[in-house]
C-alpha cells in the first residue's frame, strides 16, 4: 500500500503542506503539554488564590 500511496499522492517528503501539518500537529501538542504542566505546577502552590 505504500507504493500505491506514493504513486497517488506523490512523495510526502517534498510536500510542504505535509510538513506544515506535522509542524502544527507537534506544535499544538507541545502547547497543550506546556499548558497542562503550567496548570499543574501553579496549582501545587495554591496559585489560584487571589491576593
C-alpha atoms as a PDB file:
ATOM      1  CA  UNK A   1       0.000   0.000   0.000  1.00  0.00           C
ATOM      2  CA  UNK A   2       2.989   2.329   0.416  1.00  0.00           C
ATOM      3  CA  UNK A   3       3.784   2.215  -3.302  1.00  0.00           C
ATOM      4  CA  UNK A   4       0.154   2.981  -4.174  1.00  0.00           C
ATOM      5  CA  UNK A   5       0.115   5.894  -1.727  1.00  0.00           C
ATOM      6  CA  UNK A   6       3.342   7.253  -3.177  1.00  0.00           C
ATOM      7  CA  UNK A   7       2.038   6.951  -6.731  1.00  0.00           C
ATOM      8  CA  UNK A   8      -1.265   8.598  -5.865  1.00  0.00           C
ATOM      9  CA  UNK A   9      -0.144  11.474  -3.630  1.00  0.00           C
ATOM     10  CA  UNK A  10       3.492  11.881  -4.621  1.00  0.00           C
ATOM     11  CA  UNK A  11       6.426  11.873  -2.261  1.00  0.00           C
ATOM     12  CA  UNK A  12       5.246  13.371   1.019  1.00  0.00           C
ATOM     13  CA  UNK A  13       8.839  14.191   1.999  1.00  0.00           C
ATOM     14  CA  UNK A  14       8.851  17.029  -0.542  1.00  0.00           C
ATOM     15  CA  UNK A  15       5.288  18.149   0.154  1.00  0.00           C
ATOM     16  CA  UNK A  16       5.299  21.496   2.001  1.00  0.00           C
ATOM     17  CA  UNK A  17       1.688  21.085   3.148  1.00  0.00           C
ATOM     18  CA  UNK A  18       2.538  17.750   4.726  1.00  0.00           C
ATOM     19  CA  UNK A  19       5.491  19.371   6.501  1.00  0.00           C
ATOM     20  CA  UNK A  20       3.305  22.230   7.745  1.00  0.00           C
ATOM     21  CA  UNK A  21       0.687  19.822   9.055  1.00  0.00           C
ATOM     22  CA  UNK A  22       3.361  17.961  11.028  1.00  0.00           C
ATOM     23  CA  UNK A  23       4.718  21.239  12.404  1.00  0.00           C
ATOM     24  CA  UNK A  24       1.256  22.376  13.504  1.00  0.00           C
ATOM     25  CA  UNK A  25       0.472  18.957  14.980  1.00  0.00           C
ATOM     26  CA  UNK A  26       3.675  18.814  17.031  1.00  0.00           C
ATOM     27  CA  UNK A  27       3.336  22.488  17.945  1.00  0.00           C
ATOM     28  CA  UNK A  28      -0.211  22.104  19.219  1.00  0.00           C
ATOM     29  CA  UNK A  29       0.769  19.004  21.219  1.00  0.00           C
ATOM     30  CA  UNK A  30       3.697  20.925  22.720  1.00  0.00           C
ATOM     31  CA  UNK A  31       1.493  23.905  23.593  1.00  0.00           C
ATOM     32  CA  UNK A  32      -1.119  21.620  25.167  1.00  0.00           C
ATOM     33  CA  UNK A  33       1.563  19.878  27.244  1.00  0.00           C
ATOM     34  CA  UNK A  34       3.033  23.209  28.386  1.00  0.00           C
ATOM     35  CA  UNK A  35      -0.434  24.477  29.259  1.00  0.00           C
ATOM     36  CA  UNK A  36      -1.200  21.415  31.360  1.00  0.00           C
ATOM     37  CA  UNK A  37       2.213  21.470  33.039  1.00  0.00           C
ATOM     38  CA  UNK A  38       1.762  25.133  33.958  1.00  0.00           C
ATOM     39  CA  UNK A  39      -1.659  24.472  35.477  1.00  0.00           C
ATOM     40  CA  UNK A  40      -0.315  21.523  37.470  1.00  0.00           C
ATOM     41  CA  UNK A  41       2.761  23.431  38.645  1.00  0.00           C
ATOM     42  CA  UNK A  42       0.813  26.538  39.708  1.00  0.00           C
ATOM     43  CA  UNK A  43      -1.941  24.520  41.366  1.00  0.00           C
ATOM     44  CA  UNK A  44       0.656  22.809  43.525  1.00  0.00           C
ATOM     45  CA  UNK A  45       1.469  26.105  45.242  1.00  0.00           C
ATOM     46  CA  UNK A  46      -2.064  27.466  45.517  1.00  0.00           C
ATOM     47  CA  UNK A  47      -1.719  29.878  42.620  1.00  0.00           C
ATOM     48  CA  UNK A  48      -5.478  30.111  42.093  1.00  0.00           C
ATOM     49  CA  UNK A  49      -5.960  32.214  45.240  1.00  0.00           C
ATOM     50  CA  UNK A  50      -6.347  35.965  44.962  1.00  0.00           C
ATOM     51  CA  UNK A  51      -4.018  38.204  46.911  1.00  0.00           C
END
